[in-house]
Amino acid sequence: MSPRVDAVQLGRKIRILRESVASSRYEFARRLGHLNSASYLFQVERGNRIPAISYCEKIAKAGGVPLRDLIDARVSITLPPDEFINEAAPLIRFVTRSGRATILEVLRMLAEERPRRRRR
């Protein structure tokens, strides 16, 4: 029998899956068929709640992974590289060292510019 993930590990895995297929908790909850469970999903992602196995099955299906990968502590789930990374990666080897530094600097500036959500 494989070791099960604890609540925090499970929450992290669920968050990774959600972020790979949905832009918000509400949208993901809607995909799961639970319109009013975005706040519950938030609690699960933080490790404060442990979802029922039936809810885990829906999450795994929506995220495109087998249930066993979601609940097995030995299996890690990572976000697949997005289209931009796939296009940029082969080009990076042709960029000089100073060019790489410039690219990183620009990416950091762009990351800082992104809109931040206000905390309530």
PDB file of N, CA and C in Angstrom:
ATOM      1  N   MET A   1       0.850  -1.182   0.000  1.00  0.00           N
ATOM      2  CA  MET A   1       0.000   0.000   0.000  1.00  0.00           C
ATOM      3  C   MET A   1       0.896   1.246   0.000  1.00  0.00           C
ATOM      4  N   SER A   2       0.558   2.210  -0.825  1.00  0.00           N
ATOM      5  CA  SER A   2       1.368   3.420  -0.924  1.00  0.00           C
ATOM      6  C   SER A   2       1.030   4.380   0.207  1.00  0.00           C
ATOM      7  N   PRO A   3       2.045   5.140   0.660  1.00  0.00           N
ATOM      8  CA  PRO A   3       1.778   6.100   1.727  1.00  0.00           C
ATOM      9  C   PRO A   3       0.878   7.229   1.237  1.00  0.00           C
ATOM     10  N   ARG A   4      -0.050   7.620   2.077  1.00  0.00           N
ATOM     11  CA  ARG A   4      -0.983   8.689   1.707  1.00  0.00           C
ATOM     12  C   ARG A   4      -0.377  10.042   2.032  1.00  0.00           C
ATOM     13  N   VAL A   5      -0.795  11.029   1.275  1.00  0.00           N
ATOM     14  CA  VAL A   5      -0.331  12.385   1.537  1.00  0.00           C
ATOM     15  C   VAL A   5      -1.019  12.935   2.774  1.00  0.00           C
ATOM     16  N   ASP A   6      -0.352  13.863   3.448  1.00  0.00           N
ATOM     17  CA  ASP A   6      -1.028  14.531   4.554  1.00  0.00           C
ATOM     18  C   ASP A   6      -1.854  15.685   3.987  1.00  0.00           C
ATOM     19  N   ALA A   7      -2.578  16.365   4.837  1.00  0.00           N
ATOM     20  CA  ALA A   7      -3.509  17.408   4.383  1.00  0.00           C
ATOM     21  C   ALA A   7      -2.791  18.533   3.640  1.00  0.00           C
ATOM     22  N   VAL A   8      -1.609  18.922   4.111  1.00  0.00           N
ATOM     23  CA  VAL A   8      -0.878  20.014   3.470  1.00  0.00           C
ATOM     24  C   VAL A   8      -0.361  19.589   2.095  1.00  0.00           C
ATOM     25  N   GLN A   9       0.206  18.379   1.999  1.00  0.00           N
ATOM     26  CA  GLN A   9       0.682  17.874   0.710  1.00  0.00           C
ATOM     27  C   GLN A   9      -0.470  17.761  -0.284  1.00  0.00           C
ATOM     28  N   LEU A  10      -1.586  17.233   0.177  1.00  0.00           N
ATOM     29  CA  LEU A  10      -2.751  17.082  -0.682  1.00  0.00           C
ATOM     30  C   LEU A  10      -3.226  18.451  -1.167  1.00  0.00           C
ATOM     31  N   GLY A  11      -3.277  19.409  -0.270  1.00  0.00           N
ATOM     32  CA  GLY A  11      -3.685  20.756  -0.640  1.00  0.00           C
ATOM     33  C   GLY A  11      -2.788  21.360  -1.698  1.00  0.00           C
ATOM     34  N   ARG A  12      -1.483  21.164  -1.557  1.00  0.00           N
ATOM     35  CA  ARG A  12      -0.537  21.678  -2.557  1.00  0.00           C
ATOM     36  C   ARG A  12      -0.768  21.028  -3.911  1.00  0.00           C
ATOM     37  N   LYS A  13      -0.963  19.724  -3.911  1.00  0.00           N
ATOM     38  CA  LYS A  13      -1.206  19.014  -5.164  1.00  0.00           C
ATOM     39  C   LYS A  13      -2.492  19.506  -5.833  1.00  0.00           C
ATOM     40  N   ILE A  14      -3.518  19.704  -5.039  1.00  0.00           N
ATOM     41  CA  ILE A  14      -4.796  20.173  -5.576  1.00  0.00           C
ATOM     42  C   ILE A  14      -4.641  21.579  -6.149  1.00  0.00           C
ATOM     43  N   ARG A  15      -3.888  22.423  -5.461  1.00  0.00           N
ATOM     44  CA  ARG A  15      -3.677  23.776  -5.974  1.00  0.00           C
ATOM     45  C   ARG A  15      -2.939  23.743  -7.310  1.00  0.00           C
ATOM     46  N   ILE A  16      -1.931  22.907  -7.426  1.00  0.00           N
ATOM     47  CA  ILE A  16      -1.190  22.783  -8.685  1.00  0.00           C
ATOM     48  C   ILE A  16      -2.124  22.336  -9.798  1.00  0.00           C
ATOM     49  N   LEU A  17      -2.950  21.335  -9.512  1.00  0.00           N
ATOM     50  CA  LEU A  17      -3.903  20.872 -10.530  1.00  0.00           C
ATOM     51  C   LEU A  17      -4.875  21.976 -10.916  1.00  0.00           C
ATOM     52  N   ARG A  18      -5.410  22.667  -9.913  1.00  0.00           N
ATOM     53  CA  ARG A  18      -6.365  23.740 -10.201  1.00  0.00           C
ATOM     54  C   ARG A  18      -5.730  24.816 -11.062  1.00  0.00           C
ATOM     55  N   GLU A  19      -4.525  25.224 -10.718  1.00  0.00           N
ATOM     56  CA  GLU A  19      -3.863  26.285 -11.474  1.00  0.00           C
ATOM     57  C   GLU A  19      -3.539  25.855 -12.905  1.00  0.00           C
ATOM     58  N   SER A  20      -3.401  24.553 -13.127  1.00  0.00           N
ATOM     59  CA  SER A  20      -3.088  24.092 -14.480  1.00  0.00           C
ATOM     60  C   SER A  20      -4.313  24.057 -15.393  1.00  0.00           C
ATOM     61  N   VAL A  21      -5.507  24.033 -14.812  1.00  0.00           N
ATOM     62  CA  VAL A  21      -6.718  23.909 -15.650  1.00  0.00           C
ATOM     63  C   VAL A  21      -7.743  25.031 -15.472  1.00  0.00           C
ATOM     64  N   ALA A  22      -7.590  25.843 -14.449  1.00  0.00           N
ATOM     65  CA  ALA A  22      -8.590  26.881 -14.188  1.00  0.00           C
ATOM     66  C   ALA A  22      -7.908  28.152 -13.686  1.00  0.00           C
ATOM     67  N   SER A  23      -8.536  29.269 -13.945  1.00  0.00           N
ATOM     68  CA  SER A  23      -7.940  30.533 -13.538  1.00  0.00           C
ATOM     69  C   SER A  23      -8.292  30.924 -12.100  1.00  0.00           C
ATOM     70  N   SER A  24      -9.352  30.345 -11.561  1.00  0.00           N
ATOM     71  CA  SER A  24      -9.759  30.700 -10.203  1.00  0.00           C
ATOM     72  C   SER A  24     -10.334  29.485  -9.481  1.00  0.00           C
ATOM     73  N   ARG A  25     -10.424  29.612  -8.174  1.00  0.00           N
ATOM     74  CA  ARG A  25     -11.047  28.545  -7.386  1.00  0.00           C
ATOM     75  C   ARG A  25     -12.515  28.391  -7.758  1.00  0.00           C
ATOM     76  N   TYR A  26     -13.173  29.527  -8.002  1.00  0.00           N
ATOM     77  CA  TYR A  26     -14.585  29.475  -8.369  1.00  0.00           C
ATOM     78  C   TYR A  26     -14.773  28.708  -9.676  1.00  0.00           C
ATOM     79  N   GLU A  27     -13.936  29.014 -10.668  1.00  0.00           N
ATOM     80  CA  GLU A  27     -14.046  28.321 -11.959  1.00  0.00           C
ATOM     81  C   GLU A  27     -13.787  26.822 -11.791  1.00  0.00           C
ATOM     82  N   PHE A  28     -12.794  26.481 -10.984  1.00  0.00           N
ATOM     83  CA  PHE A  28     -12.477  25.069 -10.766  1.00  0.00           C
ATOM     84  C   PHE A  28     -13.612  24.373 -10.029  1.00  0.00           C
ATOM     85  N   ALA A  29     -14.151  25.040  -9.023  1.00  0.00           N
ATOM     86  CA  ALA A  29     -15.286  24.472  -8.278  1.00  0.00           C
ATOM     87  C   ALA A  29     -16.463  24.230  -9.213  1.00  0.00           C
ATOM     88  N   ARG A  30     -16.670  25.158 -10.143  1.00  0.00           N
ATOM     89  CA  ARG A  30     -17.743  25.003 -11.133  1.00  0.00           C
ATOM     90  C   ARG A  30     -17.488  23.780 -12.007  1.00  0.00           C
ATOM     91  N   ARG A  31     -16.238  23.562 -12.396  1.00  0.00           N
ATOM     92  CA  ARG A  31     -15.901  22.385 -13.202  1.00  0.00           C
ATOM     93  C   ARG A  31     -16.153  21.098 -12.434  1.00  0.00           C
ATOM     94  N   LEU A  32     -16.006  21.174 -11.114  1.00  0.00           N
ATOM     95  CA  LEU A  32     -16.241  19.999 -10.279  1.00  0.00           C
ATOM     96  C   LEU A  32     -17.726  19.777 -10.027  1.00  0.00           C
ATOM     97  N   GLY A  33     -18.540  20.766 -10.395  1.00  0.00           N
ATOM     98  CA  GLY A  33     -19.972  20.654 -10.163  1.00  0.00           C
ATOM     99  C   GLY A  33     -20.383  21.129  -8.789  1.00  0.00           C
ATOM    100  N   HIS A  34     -19.520  21.897  -8.143  1.00  0.00           N
ATOM    101  CA  HIS A  34     -19.797  22.420  -6.802  1.00  0.00           C
ATOM    102  C   HIS A  34     -19.702  23.933  -6.840  1.00  0.00           C
ATOM    103  N   LEU A  35     -20.755  24.587  -7.264  1.00  0.00           N
ATOM    104  CA  LEU A  35     -20.727  26.035  -7.463  1.00  0.00           C
ATOM    105  C   LEU A  35     -20.388  26.817  -6.205  1.00  0.00           C
ATOM    106  N   ASN A  36     -20.800  26.334  -5.061  1.00  0.00           N
ATOM    107  CA  ASN A  36     -20.602  27.085  -3.822  1.00  0.00           C
ATOM    108  C   ASN A  36     -19.400  26.616  -3.012  1.00  0.00           C
ATOM    109  N   SER A  37     -18.462  25.902  -3.634  1.00  0.00           N
ATOM    110  CA  SER A  37     -17.383  25.332  -2.836  1.00  0.00           C
ATOM    111  C   SER A  37     -16.022  25.972  -3.060  1.00  0.00           C
ATOM    112  N   ALA A  38     -15.974  27.193  -3.609  1.00  0.00           N
ATOM    113  CA  ALA A  38     -14.676  27.857  -3.791  1.00  0.00           C
ATOM    114  C   ALA A  38     -14.002  28.101  -2.442  1.00  0.00           C
ATOM    115  N   SER A  39     -14.769  28.477  -1.430  1.00  0.00           N
ATOM    116  CA  SER A  39     -14.180  28.708  -0.105  1.00  0.00           C
ATOM    117  C   SER A  39     -13.735  27.385   0.525  1.00  0.00           C
ATOM    118  N   TYR A  40     -14.491  26.333   0.302  1.00  0.00           N
ATOM    119  CA  TYR A  40     -14.085  25.006   0.784  1.00  0.00           C
ATOM    120  C   TYR A  40     -12.796  24.580   0.104  1.00  0.00           C
ATOM    121  N   LEU A  41     -12.710  24.814  -1.201  1.00  0.00           N
ATOM    122  CA  LEU A  41     -11.511  24.482  -1.963  1.00  0.00           C
ATOM    123  C   LEU A  41     -10.298  25.241  -1.421  1.00  0.00           C
ATOM    124  N   PHE A  42     -10.499  26.502  -1.044  1.00  0.00           N
ATOM    125  CA  PHE A  42      -9.445  27.300  -0.433  1.00  0.00           C
ATOM    126  C   PHE A  42      -8.939  26.636   0.849  1.00  0.00           C
ATOM    127  N   GLN A  43      -9.861  26.169   1.682  1.00  0.00           N
ATOM    128  CA  GLN A  43      -9.485  25.501   2.934  1.00  0.00           C
ATOM    129  C   GLN A  43      -8.722  24.203   2.665  1.00  0.00           C
ATOM    130  N   VAL A  44      -9.147  23.476   1.631  1.00  0.00           N
ATOM    131  CA  VAL A  44      -8.475  22.226   1.261  1.00  0.00           C
ATOM    132  C   VAL A  44      -7.056  22.536   0.785  1.00  0.00           C
ATOM    133  N   GLU A  45      -6.913  23.537  -0.084  1.00  0.00           N
ATOM    134  CA  GLU A  45      -5.600  23.897  -0.614  1.00  0.00           C
ATOM    135  C   GLU A  45      -4.639  24.342   0.479  1.00  0.00           C
ATOM    136  N   ARG A  46      -5.141  24.920   1.524  1.00  0.00           N
ATOM    137  CA  ARG A  46      -4.293  25.354   2.642  1.00  0.00           C
ATOM    138  C   ARG A  46      -3.974  24.215   3.611  1.00  0.00           C
ATOM    139  N   GLY A  47      -4.630  23.081   3.434  1.00  0.00           N
ATOM    140  CA  GLY A  47      -4.391  21.954   4.320  1.00  0.00           C
ATOM    141  C   GLY A  47      -5.230  21.976   5.572  1.00  0.00           C
ATOM    142  N   ASN A  48      -6.223  22.859   5.605  1.00  0.00           N
ATOM    143  CA  ASN A  48      -7.092  22.974   6.780  1.00  0.00           C
ATOM    144  C   ASN A  48      -8.236  21.973   6.777  1.00  0.00           C
ATOM    145  N   ARG A  49      -8.576  21.459   5.608  1.00  0.00           N
ATOM    146  CA  ARG A  49      -9.657  20.471   5.477  1.00  0.00           C
ATOM    147  C   ARG A  49      -9.160  19.320   4.629  1.00  0.00           C
ATOM    148  N   ILE A  50      -9.657  18.138   4.908  1.00  0.00           N
ATOM    149  CA  ILE A  50      -9.348  16.969   4.094  1.00  0.00           C
ATOM    150  C   ILE A  50     -10.625  16.570   3.362  1.00  0.00           C
ATOM    151  N   PRO A  51     -10.584  16.608   2.028  1.00  0.00           N
ATOM    152  CA  PRO A  51     -11.799  16.310   1.272  1.00  0.00           C
ATOM    153  C   PRO A  51     -12.121  14.822   1.266  1.00  0.00           C
ATOM    154  N   ALA A  52     -13.382  14.527   1.039  1.00  0.00           N
ATOM    155  CA  ALA A  52     -13.825  13.133   0.895  1.00  0.00           C
ATOM    156  C   ALA A  52     -13.196  12.539  -0.358  1.00  0.00           C
ATOM    157  N   ILE A  53     -13.093  11.235  -0.391  1.00  0.00           N
ATOM    158  CA  ILE A  53     -12.484  10.560  -1.533  1.00  0.00           C
ATOM    159  C   ILE A  53     -13.252  10.858  -2.825  1.00  0.00           C
ATOM    160  N   SER A  54     -14.571  11.011  -2.735  1.00  0.00           N
ATOM    161  CA  SER A  54     -15.361  11.318  -3.927  1.00  0.00           C
ATOM    162  C   SER A  54     -14.989  12.692  -4.494  1.00  0.00           C
ATOM    163  N   TYR A  55     -14.699  13.644  -3.618  1.00  0.00           N
ATOM    164  CA  TYR A  55     -14.273  14.980  -4.046  1.00  0.00           C
ATOM    165  C   TYR A  55     -12.879  14.891  -4.673  1.00  0.00           C
ATOM    166  N   CYS A  56     -12.001  14.073  -4.072  1.00  0.00           N
ATOM    167  CA  CYS A  56     -10.657  13.867  -4.628  1.00  0.00           C
ATOM    168  C   CYS A  56     -10.723  13.241  -6.020  1.00  0.00           C
ATOM    169  N   GLU A  57     -11.663  12.325  -6.202  1.00  0.00           N
ATOM    170  CA  GLU A  57     -11.838  11.708  -7.528  1.00  0.00           C
ATOM    171  C   GLU A  57     -12.204  12.756  -8.571  1.00  0.00           C
ATOM    172  N   LYS A  58     -13.113  13.650  -8.210  1.00  0.00           N
ATOM    173  CA  LYS A  58     -13.517  14.713  -9.146  1.00  0.00           C
ATOM    174  C   LYS A  58     -12.349  15.646  -9.444  1.00  0.00           C
ATOM    175  N   ILE A  59     -11.567  15.966  -8.421  1.00  0.00           N
ATOM    176  CA  ILE A  59     -10.410  16.846  -8.603  1.00  0.00           C
ATOM    177  C   ILE A  59      -9.390  16.190  -9.527  1.00  0.00           C
ATOM    178  N   ALA A  60      -9.105  14.919  -9.282  1.00  0.00           N
ATOM    179  CA  ALA A  60      -8.138  14.193 -10.112  1.00  0.00           C
ATOM    180  C   ALA A  60      -8.607  14.146 -11.565  1.00  0.00           C
ATOM    181  N   LYS A  61      -9.880  13.855 -11.754  1.00  0.00           N
ATOM    182  CA  LYS A  61     -10.431  13.788 -13.115  1.00  0.00           C
ATOM    183  C   LYS A  61     -10.335  15.149 -13.799  1.00  0.00           C
ATOM    184  N   ALA A  62     -10.716  16.216 -13.095  1.00  0.00           N
ATOM    185  CA  ALA A  62     -10.661  17.564 -13.665  1.00  0.00           C
ATOM    186  C   ALA A  62      -9.225  17.978 -13.975  1.00  0.00           C
ATOM    187  N   GLY A  63      -8.272  17.493 -13.156  1.00  0.00           N
ATOM    188  CA  GLY A  63      -6.863  17.828 -13.357  1.00  0.00           C
ATOM    189  C   GLY A  63      -6.145  16.909 -14.324  1.00  0.00           C
ATOM    190  N   GLY A  64      -6.826  15.846 -14.739  1.00  0.00           N
ATOM    191  CA  GLY A  64      -6.236  14.932 -15.717  1.00  0.00           C
ATOM    192  C   GLY A  64      -5.163  14.017 -15.165  1.00  0.00           C
ATOM    193  N   VAL A  65      -5.274  13.671 -13.879  1.00  0.00           N
ATOM    194  CA  VAL A  65      -4.320  12.734 -13.274  1.00  0.00           C
ATOM    195  C   VAL A  65      -5.084  11.590 -12.616  1.00  0.00           C
ATOM    196  N   PRO A  66      -4.440  10.436 -12.488  1.00  0.00           N
ATOM    197  CA  PRO A  66      -5.102   9.344 -11.771  1.00  0.00           C
ATOM    198  C   PRO A  66      -5.260   9.693 -10.289  1.00  0.00           C
ATOM    199  N   LEU A  67      -6.311   9.218  -9.689  1.00  0.00           N
ATOM    200  CA  LEU A  67      -6.550   9.464  -8.267  1.00  0.00           C
ATOM    201  C   LEU A  67      -5.363   9.017  -7.426  1.00  0.00           C
ATOM    202  N   ARG A  68      -4.781   7.873  -7.767  1.00  0.00           N
ATOM    203  CA  ARG A  68      -3.657   7.360  -6.968  1.00  0.00           C
ATOM    204  C   ARG A  68      -2.490   8.347  -6.931  1.00  0.00           C
ATOM    205  N   ASP A  69      -2.281   9.109  -8.036  1.00  0.00           N
ATOM    206  CA  ASP A  69      -1.201  10.108  -8.049  1.00  0.00           C
ATOM    207  C   ASP A  69      -1.511  11.272  -7.124  1.00  0.00           C
ATOM    208  N   LEU A  70      -2.781  11.591  -6.998  1.00  0.00           N
ATOM    209  CA  LEU A  70      -3.184  12.690  -6.133  1.00  0.00           C
ATOM    210  C   LEU A  70      -2.988  12.346  -4.661  1.00  0.00           C
ATOM    211  N   ILE A  71      -3.304  11.111  -4.287  1.00  0.00           N
ATOM    212  CA  ILE A  71      -3.259  10.760  -2.860  1.00  0.00           C
ATOM    213  C   ILE A  71      -1.992  10.020  -2.436  1.00  0.00           C
ATOM    214  N   ASP A  72      -1.124   9.657  -3.377  1.00  0.00           N
ATOM    215  CA  ASP A  72       0.119   8.947  -3.045  1.00  0.00           C
ATOM    216  C   ASP A  72       1.205   9.960  -2.703  1.00  0.00           C
ATOM    217  N   ALA A  73       1.772   9.857  -1.500  1.00  0.00           N
ATOM    218  CA  ALA A  73       2.792  10.801  -1.035  1.00  0.00           C
ATOM    219  C   ALA A  73       4.079  10.722  -1.851  1.00  0.00           C
ATOM    220  N   ARG A  74       4.320   9.598  -2.512  1.00  0.00           N
ATOM    221  CA  ARG A  74       5.570   9.441  -3.275  1.00  0.00           C
ATOM    222  C   ARG A  74       5.514  10.098  -4.642  1.00  0.00           C
ATOM    223  N   VAL A  75       4.332  10.453  -5.094  1.00  0.00           N
ATOM    224  CA  VAL A  75       4.168  11.027  -6.433  1.00  0.00           C
ATOM    225  C   VAL A  75       4.021  12.536  -6.322  1.00  0.00           C
ATOM    226  N   SER A  76       4.869  13.257  -7.044  1.00  0.00           N
ATOM    227  CA  SER A  76       4.728  14.712  -7.046  1.00  0.00           C
ATOM    228  C   SER A  76       3.998  15.136  -8.318  1.00  0.00           C
ATOM    229  N   ILE A  77       3.290  16.207  -8.204  1.00  0.00           N
ATOM    230  CA  ILE A  77       2.554  16.758  -9.342  1.00  0.00           C
ATOM    231  C   ILE A  77       3.133  18.137  -9.610  1.00  0.00           C
ATOM    232  N   THR A  78       3.516  18.371 -10.844  1.00  0.00           N
ATOM    233  CA  THR A  78       4.056  19.674 -11.216  1.00  0.00           C
ATOM    234  C   THR A  78       3.258  20.235 -12.381  1.00  0.00           C
ATOM    235  N   LEU A  79       3.315  21.540 -12.518  1.00  0.00           N
ATOM    236  CA  LEU A  79       2.637  22.180 -13.642  1.00  0.00           C
ATOM    237  C   LEU A  79       3.384  21.875 -14.931  1.00  0.00           C
ATOM    238  N   PRO A  80       2.671  21.552 -15.981  1.00  0.00           N
ATOM    239  CA  PRO A  80       3.350  21.354 -17.261  1.00  0.00           C
ATOM    240  C   PRO A  80       3.860  22.696 -17.767  1.00  0.00           C
ATOM    241  N   PRO A  81       4.983  22.685 -18.488  1.00  0.00           N
ATOM    242  CA  PRO A  81       5.465  23.962 -19.008  1.00  0.00           C
ATOM    243  C   PRO A  81       4.449  24.564 -19.979  1.00  0.00           C
ATOM    244  N   ASP A  82       4.292  25.860 -19.908  1.00  0.00           N
ATOM    245  CA  ASP A  82       3.320  26.479 -20.796  1.00  0.00           C
ATOM    246  C   ASP A  82       3.921  26.705 -22.187  1.00  0.00           C
ATOM    247  N   GLU A  83       3.100  27.179 -23.083  1.00  0.00           N
ATOM    248  CA  GLU A  83       3.494  27.356 -24.476  1.00  0.00           C
ATOM    249  C   GLU A  83       4.691  28.297 -24.616  1.00  0.00           C
ATOM    250  N   PHE A  84       4.721  29.367 -23.825  1.00  0.00           N
ATOM    251  CA  PHE A  84       5.823  30.321 -23.888  1.00  0.00           C
ATOM    252  C   PHE A  84       7.147  29.647 -23.545  1.00  0.00           C
ATOM    253  N   ILE A  85       7.148  28.868 -22.477  1.00  0.00           N
ATOM    254  CA  ILE A  85       8.371  28.173 -22.060  1.00  0.00           C
ATOM    255  C   ILE A  85       8.812  27.204 -23.147  1.00  0.00           C
ATOM    256  N   ASN A  86       7.883  26.481 -23.735  1.00  0.00           N
ATOM    257  CA  ASN A  86       8.229  25.542 -24.802  1.00  0.00           C
ATOM    258  C   ASN A  86       8.860  26.241 -25.994  1.00  0.00           C
ATOM    259  N   GLU A  87       8.385  27.441 -26.317  1.00  0.00           N
ATOM    260  CA  GLU A  87       8.951  28.189 -27.441  1.00  0.00           C
ATOM    261  C   GLU A  87      10.295  28.805 -27.090  1.00  0.00           C
ATOM    262  N   ALA A  88      10.411  29.324 -25.869  1.00  0.00           N
ATOM    263  CA  ALA A  88      11.617  30.050 -25.478  1.00  0.00           C
ATOM    264  C   ALA A  88      12.798  29.132 -25.151  1.00  0.00           C
ATOM    265  N   ALA A  89      12.532  27.982 -24.580  1.00  0.00           N
ATOM    266  CA  ALA A  89      13.605  27.102 -24.109  1.00  0.00           C
ATOM    267  C   ALA A  89      14.660  26.775 -25.174  1.00  0.00           C
ATOM    268  N   PRO A  90      14.287  26.362 -26.378  1.00  0.00           N
ATOM    269  CA  PRO A  90      15.320  26.036 -27.356  1.00  0.00           C
ATOM    270  C   PRO A  90      16.138  27.251 -27.805  1.00  0.00           C
ATOM    271  N   LEU A  91      15.580  28.446 -27.674  1.00  0.00           N
ATOM    272  CA  LEU A  91      16.277  29.649 -28.112  1.00  0.00           C
ATOM    273  C   LEU A  91      17.306  30.139 -27.092  1.00  0.00           C
ATOM    274  N   ILE A  92      17.103  29.787 -25.839  1.00  0.00           N
ATOM    275  CA  ILE A  92      17.966  30.267 -24.762  1.00  0.00           C
ATOM    276  C   ILE A  92      19.430  29.893 -24.995  1.00  0.00           C
ATOM    277  N   ARG A  93      19.691  28.741 -25.536  1.00  0.00           N
ATOM    278  CA  ARG A  93      21.089  28.315 -25.711  1.00  0.00           C
ATOM    279  C   ARG A  93      21.851  29.192 -26.691  1.00  0.00           C
ATOM    280  N   PHE A  94      21.150  29.969 -27.523  1.00  0.00           N
ATOM    281  CA  PHE A  94      21.812  30.847 -28.487  1.00  0.00           C
ATOM    282  C   PHE A  94      22.044  32.253 -27.940  1.00  0.00           C
ATOM    283  N   VAL A  95      21.582  32.521 -26.723  1.00  0.00           N
ATOM    284  CA  VAL A  95      21.702  33.853 -26.130  1.00  0.00           C
ATOM    285  C   VAL A  95      22.994  33.927 -25.319  1.00  0.00           C
ATOM    286  N   THR A  96      23.697  35.056 -25.443  1.00  0.00           N
ATOM    287  CA  THR A  96      24.947  35.247 -24.698  1.00  0.00           C
ATOM    288  C   THR A  96      24.664  35.371 -23.207  1.00  0.00           C
ATOM    289  N   ARG A  97      25.712  35.296 -22.418  1.00  0.00           N
ATOM    290  CA  ARG A  97      25.579  35.408 -20.962  1.00  0.00           C
ATOM    291  C   ARG A  97      24.965  36.759 -20.578  1.00  0.00           C
ATOM    292  N   SER A  98      25.433  37.835 -21.200  1.00  0.00           N
ATOM    293  CA  SER A  98      24.877  39.151 -20.869  1.00  0.00           C
ATOM    294  C   SER A  98      23.422  39.249 -21.349  1.00  0.00           C
ATOM    295  N   GLY A  99      23.112  38.606 -22.468  1.00  0.00           N
ATOM    296  CA  GLY A  99      21.737  38.583 -22.952  1.00  0.00           C
ATOM    297  C   GLY A  99      20.824  37.851 -21.993  1.00  0.00           C
ATOM    298  N   ARG A 100      21.322  36.758 -21.417  1.00  0.00           N
ATOM    299  CA  ARG A 100      20.527  36.010 -20.432  1.00  0.00           C
ATOM    300  C   ARG A 100      20.233  36.861 -19.214  1.00  0.00           C
ATOM    301  N   ALA A 101      21.245  37.615 -18.768  1.00  0.00           N
ATOM    302  CA  ALA A 101      21.059  38.494 -17.608  1.00  0.00           C
ATOM    303  C   ALA A 101      19.998  39.548 -17.914  1.00  0.00           C
ATOM    304  N   THR A 102      20.021  40.075 -19.120  1.00  0.00           N
ATOM    305  CA  THR A 102      19.028  41.074 -19.523  1.00  0.00           C
ATOM    306  C   THR A 102      17.630  40.473 -19.558  1.00  0.00           C
ATOM    307  N   ILE A 103      17.519  39.274 -20.108  1.00  0.00           N
ATOM    308  CA  ILE A 103      16.220  38.593 -20.168  1.00  0.00           C
ATOM    309  C   ILE A 103      15.670  38.372 -18.763  1.00  0.00           C
ATOM    310  N   LEU A 104      16.514  37.904 -17.852  1.00  0.00           N
ATOM    311  CA  LEU A 104      16.069  37.684 -16.474  1.00  0.00           C
ATOM    312  C   LEU A 104      15.631  38.987 -15.820  1.00  0.00           C
ATOM    313  N   GLU A 105      16.364  40.048 -16.067  1.00  0.00           N
ATOM    314  CA  GLU A 105      16.012  41.346 -15.495  1.00  0.00           C
ATOM    315  C   GLU A 105      14.648  41.806 -16.009  1.00  0.00           C
ATOM    316  N   VAL A 106      14.414  41.673 -17.305  1.00  0.00           N
ATOM    317  CA  VAL A 106      13.133  42.064 -17.892  1.00  0.00           C
ATOM    318  C   VAL A 106      11.998  41.203 -17.328  1.00  0.00           C
ATOM    319  N   LEU A 107      12.220  39.900 -17.210  1.00  0.00           N
ATOM    320  CA  LEU A 107      11.180  39.012 -16.661  1.00  0.00           C
ATOM    321  C   LEU A 107      10.849  39.378 -15.218  1.00  0.00           C
ATOM    322  N   ARG A 108      11.860  39.715 -14.436  1.00  0.00           N
ATOM    323  CA  ARG A 108      11.601  40.124 -13.043  1.00  0.00           C
ATOM    324  C   ARG A 108      10.781  41.408 -12.994  1.00  0.00           C
ATOM    325  N   MET A 109      11.115  42.362 -13.878  1.00  0.00           N
ATOM    326  CA  MET A 109      10.358  43.620 -13.917  1.00  0.00           C
ATOM    327  C   MET A 109       8.914  43.358 -14.325  1.00  0.00           C
ATOM    328  N   LEU A 110       8.714  42.513 -15.312  1.00  0.00           N
ATOM    329  CA  LEU A 110       7.356  42.194 -15.747  1.00  0.00           C
ATOM    330  C   LEU A 110       6.568  41.492 -14.650  1.00  0.00           C
ATOM    331  N   ALA A 111       7.227  40.611 -13.915  1.00  0.00           N
ATOM    332  CA  ALA A 111       6.558  39.905 -12.818  1.00  0.00           C
ATOM    333  C   ALA A 111       6.131  40.873 -11.722  1.00  0.00           C
ATOM    334  N   GLU A 112       6.921  41.899 -11.490  1.00  0.00           N
ATOM    335  CA  GLU A 112       6.563  42.892 -10.474  1.00  0.00           C
ATOM    336  C   GLU A 112       5.420  43.781 -10.921  1.00  0.00           C
ATOM    337  N   GLU A 113       5.250  43.944 -12.234  1.00  0.00           N
ATOM    338  CA  GLU A 113       4.191  44.800 -12.767  1.00  0.00           C
ATOM    339  C   GLU A 113       2.824  44.143 -12.756  1.00  0.00           C
ATOM    340  N   ARG A 114       2.796  42.821 -12.651  1.00  0.00           N
ATOM    341  CA  ARG A 114       1.505  42.147 -12.765  1.00  0.00           C
ATOM    342  C   ARG A 114       0.550  42.657 -11.695  1.00  0.00           C
ATOM    343  N   PRO A 115      -0.718  42.709 -12.028  1.00  0.00           N
ATOM    344  CA  PRO A 115      -1.694  43.222 -11.065  1.00  0.00           C
ATOM    345  C   PRO A 115      -1.753  42.336  -9.827  1.00  0.00           C
ATOM    346  N   ARG A 116      -1.772  42.956  -8.714  1.00  0.00           N
ATOM    347  CA  ARG A 116      -1.863  42.231  -7.441  1.00  0.00           C
ATOM    348  C   ARG A 116      -3.299  42.319  -6.926  1.00  0.00           C
ATOM    349  N   ARG A 117      -3.752  41.214  -6.359  1.00  0.00           N
ATOM    350  CA  ARG A 117      -5.079  41.233  -5.746  1.00  0.00           C
ATOM    351  C   ARG A 117      -4.974  41.876  -4.378  1.00  0.00           C
ATOM    352  N   ARG A 118      -5.972  42.651  -4.050  1.00  0.00           N
ATOM    353  CA  ARG A 118      -5.998  43.280  -2.734  1.00  0.00           C
ATOM    354  C   ARG A 118      -6.455  42.279  -1.708  1.00  0.00           C
ATOM    355  N   ARG A 119      -5.826  42.364  -0.560  1.00  0.00           N
ATOM    356  CA  ARG A 119      -6.268  41.534   0.574  1.00  0.00           C
ATOM    357  C   ARG A 119      -7.390  42.247   1.290  1.00  0.00           C
ATOM    358  N   ARG A 120      -8.341  41.485   1.712  1.00  0.00           N
ATOM    359  CA  ARG A 120      -9.482  42.079   2.418  1.00  0.00           C
ATOM    360  C   ARG A 120      -9.269  42.040   3.887  1.00  0.00           C
TER     361      ARG A 120
END
